[in-house]
Amino acid sequence: MESLRHLYRIGIGPSSSHTMGPQSAAKRYLERHPEATAFDVVLYGSLAATGKGHMTDVAILRVLEQQGPVDLHWEPETRLPYHPNAMKFAVRQPDGSLFDEWTVYSIGGGALSQGPGDEIDHRQVYPLTTMDEIIFWCHETGCSLWEYVEQYEGTEIWDYLREVWKVMQEAVERGINREGVLPGPLGLQRKAPVYYTKAKGYKANLQSAGLVFAYALAVSEENASGGVIATAPTCGSCGVLPGVLYHLSSGHSFSEERILHALASAGLLGNLVKHNASISGADVGCQGEVGVASAMAAAAACQLFGGSVNQIEYAAEMGLEHHLGMTCDPVCGLVQIPCIERNAFAAARALDANFYASLSDGQHRVSFDRVVQVMKQTGHDLPSLYKETSQGGLAKI
């Protein structure tokens, strides 16, 4: 498995697959051809179907048009075999011919691949690739999940996660103070400031639930407006983990060190899904984005409240299991409806999963690894119109 640096990526919204990934690909292609004066770019499948709503064209053109004109083609009906988020870059020569065509895939969370087994910048960091193996390691060594992360990432990972946590906190704080309409044709009003203000007026138990909603909404609305966020594991699900961690940090006075440890453990769970299945909504539906984010947040919360390794695994398993089959059907291709609201509910569900697991002894029948396998198969069984194409489900309203 890769470093957590490849799971928690700091960048601009609204989509890691449709904005961050394509922009990164454009930068790489420009570096290959600094002499080029014109380009040809083709977007395929899901990347083309919802690319305009996700500002894929803006992300690519912002890079390449510094060098020369770009002919951009949209082919939503053409799906390449490896992944639905495909694109092809080429240099357009003076005679109109194309040179050095490069096909690349945006496979989720901002990551790029050139095909099966050919992920760009892929570097194996962790030797163990299943939760069962990692739990066994923890039991044998007496160590925690975050200590497993430190073992293979080195102590320098804490500086990186500190920066990730800083970005998450800033996104919450910006989001709960910004009012107005989100960009795009939906005319969707920001809700986080209102939810935050109203939640403060309730008694403790309801206030807690309301604040979690507000914090998750805040980050998701910042993402939808193109603000700076950290993928967790994607842009579309970036509000869940920060919403939970900010709430617990504020309400329970957990130290920064403990928050960073929880962030590391959460990232490890997200990494397992990314390695063994997918975190791309275009590939497996929203279960791979919001579902995985809920699992990560449940694991983080359980660790903060002193859960054992088995209880943490159980909390994460429930966070993912209870999102199985969730479609990815953004209205108008925007990361707004139902995405923003789903982040808020997934944050609340993560806290429920933590509480449920904390009441148990951590023993349960269905393992996290098994749910990851089922999620992958379920996602591949979903018809493509329910996976980020805006052709089915809620996107049809």
Protein backbone atom coordinates (compact mmCIF):
# COMPACT_ATOMS: atom_id res chain seq x y z
CA MET A 1 0.00 0.00 0.00
CA GLU A 2 1.02 3.58 -0.64
CA SER A 3 1.88 6.33 1.81
CA LEU A 4 -0.92 8.26 3.49
CA ARG A 5 0.44 11.25 1.58
CA HIS A 6 -1.31 9.79 -1.47
CA LEU A 7 -4.63 9.41 0.37
CA TYR A 8 -4.73 12.77 2.15
CA ARG A 9 -4.04 15.20 -0.69
CA ILE A 10 -4.33 18.95 -0.17
CA GLY A 11 -5.87 20.79 -3.11
CA ILE A 12 -8.90 22.59 -4.48
CA GLY A 13 -12.40 21.18 -4.95
CA PRO A 14 -14.85 20.20 -6.09
CA SER A 15 -13.68 16.76 -7.24
CA SER A 16 -10.50 14.76 -6.72
CA SER A 17 -11.30 12.51 -9.69
CA HIS A 18 -12.57 15.22 -12.01
CA THR A 19 -10.55 18.27 -10.95
CA MET A 20 -7.39 17.34 -9.05
CA GLY A 21 -6.55 14.25 -11.12
CA PRO A 22 -7.03 15.83 -14.58
CA GLN A 23 -5.16 18.97 -13.56
CA SER A 24 -2.26 16.85 -12.33
CA ALA A 25 -2.29 14.91 -15.62
CA ALA A 26 -2.24 18.14 -17.62
CA LYS A 27 0.76 19.40 -15.64
CA ARG A 28 2.61 16.16 -16.26
CA TYR A 29 1.89 16.26 -19.97
CA LEU A 30 3.03 19.87 -20.22
CA GLU A 31 6.29 18.92 -18.50
CA ARG A 32 6.79 16.25 -21.17
CA HIS A 33 6.25 18.76 -23.97
CA PRO A 34 7.43 22.24 -22.99
CA GLU A 35 7.98 22.91 -26.71
CA ALA A 36 4.35 22.31 -27.69
CA THR A 37 2.24 25.19 -29.05
CA ALA A 38 -1.16 23.46 -29.22
CA PHE A 39 -2.87 20.47 -27.61
CA ASP A 40 -5.68 18.02 -28.17
CA VAL A 41 -7.51 16.52 -25.18
CA VAL A 42 -10.28 13.90 -25.18
CA LEU A 43 -12.38 13.14 -22.10
CA TYR A 44 -14.15 9.77 -21.98
CA GLY A 45 -16.93 8.07 -20.03
CA SER A 46 -17.83 9.43 -16.62
CA LEU A 47 -15.10 12.05 -16.84
CA ALA A 48 -16.88 13.50 -19.88
CA ALA A 49 -20.43 12.93 -18.61
CA THR A 50 -20.05 15.08 -15.49
CA GLY A 51 -16.85 16.91 -16.31
CA LYS A 52 -18.43 20.30 -16.94
CA GLY A 53 -20.25 20.28 -13.63
CA HIS A 54 -17.03 19.23 -11.90
CA MET A 55 -15.00 21.89 -13.77
CA THR A 56 -12.74 19.31 -15.45
CA ASP A 57 -12.36 21.54 -18.49
CA VAL A 58 -11.40 24.52 -16.33
CA ALA A 59 -8.78 22.46 -14.46
CA ILE A 60 -7.13 21.24 -17.67
CA LEU A 61 -7.35 24.47 -19.65
CA ARG A 62 -5.91 26.47 -16.76
CA VAL A 63 -2.69 24.48 -17.19
CA LEU A 64 -2.38 23.89 -20.93
CA GLU A 65 -3.65 27.22 -22.26
CA GLN A 66 -0.63 28.92 -20.71
CA GLN A 67 1.32 27.21 -23.51
CA GLY A 68 -1.14 27.32 -26.40
CA PRO A 69 -4.68 26.62 -27.62
CA VAL A 70 -6.44 23.41 -26.64
CA ASP A 71 -9.00 21.41 -28.62
CA LEU A 72 -11.12 19.71 -25.96
CA HIS A 73 -13.44 16.85 -26.94
CA TRP A 74 -16.17 15.23 -24.82
CA GLU A 75 -17.00 11.56 -25.42
CA PRO A 76 -19.34 10.47 -22.57
CA GLU A 77 -20.57 7.42 -24.49
CA THR A 78 -17.08 5.98 -24.93
CA ARG A 79 -15.82 4.01 -21.98
CA LEU A 80 -12.27 2.69 -22.05
CA PRO A 81 -11.77 -0.77 -20.51
CA TYR A 82 -9.70 0.03 -17.43
CA HIS A 83 -11.61 2.85 -15.71
CA PRO A 84 -14.54 5.17 -16.55
CA ASN A 85 -12.49 8.31 -15.79
CA ALA A 86 -10.25 8.26 -18.85
CA MET A 87 -8.58 11.05 -20.81
CA LYS A 88 -6.16 11.31 -23.71
CA PHE A 89 -3.63 14.07 -24.28
CA ALA A 90 -1.79 14.81 -27.50
CA VAL A 91 0.34 17.55 -29.03
CA ARG A 92 -1.36 19.13 -32.04
CA GLN A 93 1.30 19.87 -34.67
CA PRO A 94 1.12 22.75 -37.20
CA ASP A 95 -0.15 20.41 -39.94
CA GLY A 96 -3.02 19.27 -37.71
CA SER A 97 -1.59 15.84 -36.94
CA LEU A 98 -1.36 14.55 -33.38
CA PHE A 99 1.88 13.58 -31.69
CA ASP A 100 2.62 11.50 -28.57
CA GLU A 101 -0.90 10.47 -27.55
CA TRP A 102 -1.04 9.67 -23.84
CA THR A 103 -4.01 7.89 -22.28
CA VAL A 104 -4.29 8.25 -18.52
CA TYR A 105 -6.97 7.49 -15.92
CA SER A 106 -8.09 9.48 -12.87
CA ILE A 107 -8.78 6.60 -10.52
CA GLY A 108 -9.98 8.41 -7.39
CA GLY A 109 -8.63 10.67 -4.68
CA GLY A 110 -6.52 12.58 -7.21
CA ALA A 111 -4.48 9.50 -8.15
CA LEU A 112 -3.51 8.75 -11.75
CA SER A 113 -2.87 5.48 -13.55
CA GLN A 114 -1.78 4.47 -17.03
CA GLY A 115 -3.57 1.12 -16.77
CA PRO A 116 -3.70 -2.05 -14.65
CA GLY A 117 -0.75 -2.19 -12.26
CA ASP A 118 0.67 1.07 -13.60
CA GLU A 119 -0.32 3.73 -11.09
CA ILE A 120 1.72 6.89 -11.42
CA ASP A 121 4.03 7.74 -8.50
CA HIS A 122 3.07 4.46 -6.86
CA ARG A 123 5.50 3.44 -4.14
CA GLN A 124 4.85 0.55 -1.80
CA VAL A 125 5.18 1.65 1.81
CA TYR A 126 3.16 -0.84 3.84
CA PRO A 127 3.92 -4.57 3.58
CA LEU A 128 0.56 -5.68 5.00
CA THR A 129 -2.49 -5.11 2.84
CA THR A 130 -5.46 -6.49 4.80
CA MET A 131 -7.02 -5.43 8.08
CA ASP A 132 -6.76 -8.97 9.45
CA GLU A 133 -2.99 -8.95 8.90
CA ILE A 134 -2.61 -5.56 10.55
CA ILE A 135 -4.74 -6.58 13.55
CA PHE A 136 -2.53 -9.67 13.97
CA TRP A 137 0.56 -7.43 13.87
CA CYS A 138 -0.97 -5.17 16.53
CA HIS A 139 -1.76 -8.11 18.79
CA GLU A 140 1.73 -9.58 18.34
CA THR A 141 3.54 -6.30 19.02
CA GLY A 142 1.12 -4.70 21.46
CA CYS A 143 1.09 -1.63 19.24
CA SER A 144 -1.77 0.51 17.97
CA LEU A 145 -2.81 1.22 14.40
CA TRP A 146 -1.14 4.63 14.44
CA GLU A 147 2.09 3.00 15.57
CA TYR A 148 1.90 0.72 12.53
CA VAL A 149 1.68 3.85 10.40
CA GLU A 150 4.70 5.39 12.14
CA GLN A 151 6.65 2.15 11.76
CA TYR A 152 6.53 2.32 7.97
CA GLU A 153 6.07 6.05 7.27
CA GLY A 154 8.63 7.31 9.79
CA THR A 155 8.13 10.08 12.32
CA GLU A 156 8.06 12.67 9.52
CA ILE A 157 4.50 11.56 8.70
CA TRP A 158 3.33 13.58 11.70
CA ASP A 159 4.44 16.86 10.13
CA TYR A 160 2.46 16.01 7.02
CA LEU A 161 -0.65 14.98 8.96
CA ARG A 162 -0.34 18.15 11.02
CA GLU A 163 -0.62 20.15 7.80
CA VAL A 164 -3.61 18.03 6.71
CA TRP A 165 -5.32 18.66 10.05
CA LYS A 166 -4.62 22.40 9.73
CA VAL A 167 -6.27 22.45 6.28
CA MET A 168 -9.26 20.51 7.62
CA GLN A 169 -9.75 22.91 10.54
CA GLU A 170 -9.46 25.96 8.32
CA ALA A 171 -12.04 24.55 5.92
CA VAL A 172 -14.49 24.02 8.80
CA GLU A 173 -13.93 27.51 10.15
CA ARG A 174 -14.28 29.18 6.75
CA GLY A 175 -17.36 27.15 5.95
CA ILE A 176 -19.32 27.92 9.12
CA ASN A 177 -18.83 31.63 8.51
CA ARG A 178 -19.58 31.90 4.80
CA GLU A 179 -23.07 32.60 3.58
CA GLY A 180 -24.50 32.84 0.08
CA VAL A 181 -25.16 30.63 -2.94
CA LEU A 182 -22.83 27.89 -4.14
CA PRO A 183 -21.57 28.21 -7.74
CA GLY A 184 -23.52 26.46 -10.48
CA PRO A 185 -27.06 26.37 -11.87
CA LEU A 186 -28.73 24.78 -8.82
CA GLY A 187 -28.80 27.99 -6.78
CA LEU A 188 -28.04 26.00 -3.63
CA GLN A 189 -27.71 28.11 -0.48
CA ARG A 190 -24.93 27.34 1.97
CA LYS A 191 -26.40 25.72 5.09
CA ALA A 192 -23.42 25.36 7.45
CA PRO A 193 -23.66 28.85 9.07
CA VAL A 194 -27.37 28.41 9.79
CA TYR A 195 -26.96 24.87 11.15
CA TYR A 196 -24.08 26.03 13.34
CA THR A 197 -26.04 28.96 14.77
CA LYS A 198 -29.20 26.92 15.38
CA ALA A 199 -27.29 24.02 16.93
CA LYS A 200 -25.78 26.35 19.51
CA GLY A 201 -29.30 27.06 20.80
CA TYR A 202 -30.13 23.43 21.62
CA LYS A 203 -29.43 21.46 24.77
CA ALA A 204 -26.26 19.39 24.90
CA ASN A 205 -27.42 16.15 23.25
CA LEU A 206 -29.12 17.80 20.27
CA GLN A 207 -26.43 20.48 20.06
CA SER A 208 -23.82 17.77 19.57
CA ALA A 209 -25.67 16.24 16.63
CA GLY A 210 -26.31 19.64 15.09
CA LEU A 211 -22.69 20.72 15.34
CA VAL A 212 -21.48 17.55 13.60
CA PHE A 213 -23.87 18.33 10.75
CA ALA A 214 -22.65 21.94 10.61
CA TYR A 215 -18.95 21.06 10.53
CA ALA A 216 -19.36 18.38 7.84
CA LEU A 217 -21.53 20.73 5.77
CA ALA A 218 -18.97 23.50 6.16
CA VAL A 219 -16.13 21.52 4.58
CA SER A 220 -18.34 20.04 1.85
CA GLU A 221 -19.63 23.50 0.92
CA GLU A 222 -16.09 24.83 0.80
CA ASN A 223 -15.22 21.97 -1.54
CA ALA A 224 -18.25 22.67 -3.75
CA SER A 225 -17.12 26.28 -4.12
CA GLY A 226 -13.60 25.30 -5.17
CA GLY A 227 -11.99 25.97 -1.79
CA VAL A 228 -8.85 24.38 -0.37
CA ILE A 229 -9.58 21.04 1.29
CA ALA A 230 -7.90 17.71 2.04
CA THR A 231 -9.18 14.57 0.36
CA ALA A 232 -10.48 12.12 2.96
CA PRO A 233 -10.44 9.94 0.96
CA THR A 234 -11.83 12.10 -1.90
CA CYS A 235 -13.05 15.65 -2.46
CA GLY A 236 -16.66 14.50 -2.70
CA SER A 237 -16.43 12.95 0.77
CA CYS A 238 -14.06 15.49 2.30
CA GLY A 239 -16.50 16.75 4.95
CA VAL A 240 -17.04 13.55 6.93
CA LEU A 241 -13.73 13.01 8.72
CA PRO A 242 -13.00 16.71 9.40
CA GLY A 243 -16.56 17.17 10.66
CA VAL A 244 -16.15 14.36 13.19
CA LEU A 245 -12.61 15.24 14.24
CA TYR A 246 -13.31 18.97 14.59
CA HIS A 247 -16.38 18.21 16.71
CA LEU A 248 -14.50 15.80 18.98
CA SER A 249 -11.48 18.08 19.23
CA SER A 250 -13.66 21.05 20.22
CA GLY A 251 -16.07 19.22 22.48
CA HIS A 252 -13.69 16.88 24.30
CA SER A 253 -10.41 18.80 24.31
CA PHE A 254 -8.40 16.02 22.72
CA SER A 255 -4.79 17.04 22.19
CA GLU A 256 -3.43 17.64 18.71
CA GLU A 257 -1.20 14.59 19.10
CA ARG A 258 -4.18 12.33 19.70
CA ILE A 259 -6.07 13.86 16.78
CA LEU A 260 -3.07 13.16 14.52
CA HIS A 261 -2.92 9.57 15.75
CA ALA A 262 -6.62 9.19 14.94
CA LEU A 263 -6.02 10.75 11.52
CA ALA A 264 -3.27 8.18 10.87
CA SER A 265 -5.48 5.25 11.86
CA ALA A 266 -8.35 6.57 9.75
CA GLY A 267 -6.00 6.94 6.79
CA LEU A 268 -4.83 3.38 7.19
CA LEU A 269 -8.44 2.14 6.88
CA GLY A 270 -9.00 4.32 3.83
CA ASN A 271 -5.78 3.08 2.29
CA LEU A 272 -6.91 -0.53 2.67
CA VAL A 273 -10.06 0.21 0.66
CA LYS A 274 -8.13 2.14 -1.97
CA HIS A 275 -5.65 -0.74 -2.34
CA ASN A 276 -8.13 -3.63 -2.29
CA ALA A 277 -11.17 -2.04 -3.94
CA SER A 278 -11.71 1.58 -5.02
CA ILE A 279 -12.45 5.05 -3.67
CA SER A 280 -13.73 6.32 -7.03
CA GLY A 281 -17.44 7.14 -7.32
CA ALA A 282 -17.21 6.58 -11.07
CA ASP A 283 -15.92 3.07 -10.44
CA VAL A 284 -17.94 1.78 -7.45
CA GLY A 285 -20.49 4.48 -6.63
CA CYS A 286 -20.70 6.75 -3.60
CA GLN A 287 -20.13 3.82 -1.24
CA GLY A 288 -16.47 4.14 -2.24
CA GLU A 289 -16.38 7.80 -1.29
CA VAL A 290 -18.88 8.70 1.45
CA GLY A 291 -19.02 5.10 2.68
CA VAL A 292 -15.25 4.89 3.06
CA ALA A 293 -15.14 8.35 4.66
CA SER A 294 -17.70 7.21 7.23
CA ALA A 295 -15.60 4.11 7.97
CA MET A 296 -12.51 6.27 8.42
CA ALA A 297 -14.31 8.69 10.73
CA ALA A 298 -15.81 5.85 12.78
CA ALA A 299 -12.33 4.36 13.25
CA ALA A 300 -10.89 7.73 14.26
CA ALA A 301 -13.64 8.36 16.81
CA CYS A 302 -13.35 4.90 18.29
CA GLN A 303 -9.62 5.29 18.76
CA LEU A 304 -10.03 8.70 20.41
CA PHE A 305 -12.47 7.21 22.93
CA GLY A 306 -10.05 4.42 23.82
CA GLY A 307 -11.35 1.61 21.64
CA SER A 308 -9.30 -1.53 21.18
CA VAL A 309 -7.94 -2.45 17.76
CA ASN A 310 -10.83 -4.90 17.35
CA GLN A 311 -13.40 -2.27 18.31
CA ILE A 312 -11.85 0.21 15.88
CA GLU A 313 -12.07 -2.38 13.11
CA TYR A 314 -15.69 -3.07 14.04
CA ALA A 315 -16.59 0.62 13.96
CA ALA A 316 -15.00 1.01 10.52
CA GLU A 317 -16.73 -2.13 9.26
CA MET A 318 -20.13 -0.73 10.24
CA GLY A 319 -19.34 2.66 8.74
CA LEU A 320 -18.73 1.02 5.37
CA GLU A 321 -21.28 -1.81 5.60
CA HIS A 322 -24.21 0.53 6.12
CA HIS A 323 -23.35 2.47 2.98
CA LEU A 324 -23.15 -0.58 0.71
CA GLY A 325 -24.86 -0.03 -2.62
CA MET A 326 -24.94 3.76 -2.37
CA THR A 327 -25.11 5.23 -5.85
CA CYS A 328 -23.13 8.19 -7.15
CA ASP A 329 -25.75 10.34 -8.91
CA PRO A 330 -24.88 14.04 -8.63
CA VAL A 331 -27.51 16.44 -9.93
CA CYS A 332 -26.15 18.44 -12.89
CA GLY A 333 -22.79 16.75 -12.32
CA LEU A 334 -22.13 19.08 -9.39
CA VAL A 335 -20.68 17.95 -6.06
CA GLN A 336 -23.69 19.45 -4.28
CA ILE A 337 -26.92 17.40 -4.40
CA PRO A 338 -26.94 14.83 -2.80
CA CYS A 339 -23.22 14.91 -2.01
CA ILE A 340 -23.12 17.68 0.61
CA GLU A 341 -26.03 16.34 2.63
CA ARG A 342 -24.58 12.81 2.46
CA ASN A 343 -21.39 14.05 4.09
CA ALA A 344 -23.37 15.37 7.05
CA PHE A 345 -25.33 12.14 7.52
CA ALA A 346 -22.22 9.98 7.08
CA ALA A 347 -20.49 11.95 9.84
CA ALA A 348 -23.41 11.29 12.19
CA ARG A 349 -23.44 7.62 11.22
CA ALA A 350 -19.71 7.39 11.95
CA LEU A 351 -20.32 8.53 15.52
CA ASP A 352 -23.14 6.00 15.86
CA ALA A 353 -20.85 3.23 14.59
CA ASN A 354 -18.23 4.25 17.14
CA PHE A 355 -20.74 4.15 20.00
CA TYR A 356 -22.14 0.80 18.90
CA ALA A 357 -18.66 -0.73 18.61
CA SER A 358 -17.60 0.74 21.96
CA LEU A 359 -20.47 -1.08 23.69
CA SER A 360 -19.26 -4.37 22.23
CA ASP A 361 -16.17 -6.46 22.93
CA GLY A 362 -15.05 -5.94 19.34
CA GLN A 363 -16.03 -9.44 18.21
CA HIS A 364 -18.36 -9.71 15.21
CA ARG A 365 -19.11 -12.02 12.31
CA VAL A 366 -18.41 -9.89 9.20
CA SER A 367 -14.89 -8.49 8.96
CA PHE A 368 -13.84 -5.15 7.50
CA ASP A 369 -11.87 -7.01 4.81
CA ARG A 370 -14.98 -8.91 3.79
CA VAL A 371 -17.06 -5.75 3.53
CA VAL A 372 -14.37 -4.18 1.33
CA GLN A 373 -14.61 -7.17 -1.03
CA VAL A 374 -18.39 -6.93 -1.11
CA MET A 375 -18.24 -3.18 -1.70
CA LYS A 376 -15.97 -3.70 -4.69
CA GLN A 377 -18.23 -6.36 -6.20
CA THR A 378 -21.37 -4.36 -5.48
CA GLY A 379 -19.86 -1.31 -7.13
CA HIS A 380 -18.94 -3.23 -10.26
CA ASP A 381 -22.43 -4.75 -10.37
CA LEU A 382 -24.08 -1.31 -10.31
CA PRO A 383 -25.16 -0.10 -13.77
CA SER A 384 -22.96 2.69 -15.06
CA LEU A 385 -25.82 5.22 -14.99
CA TYR A 386 -25.65 5.06 -11.18
CA LYS A 387 -21.92 5.84 -11.09
CA GLU A 388 -21.18 9.52 -11.60
CA THR A 389 -22.69 9.90 -15.08
CA SER A 390 -25.73 11.99 -14.05
CA GLN A 391 -27.89 9.67 -16.19
CA GLY A 392 -29.84 7.93 -13.42
CA GLY A 393 -31.00 8.03 -9.82
CA LEU A 394 -31.31 11.41 -8.12
CA ALA A 395 -29.50 13.05 -11.03
CA LYS A 396 -32.68 12.65 -13.12
CA ILE A 397 -34.74 15.07 -11.00
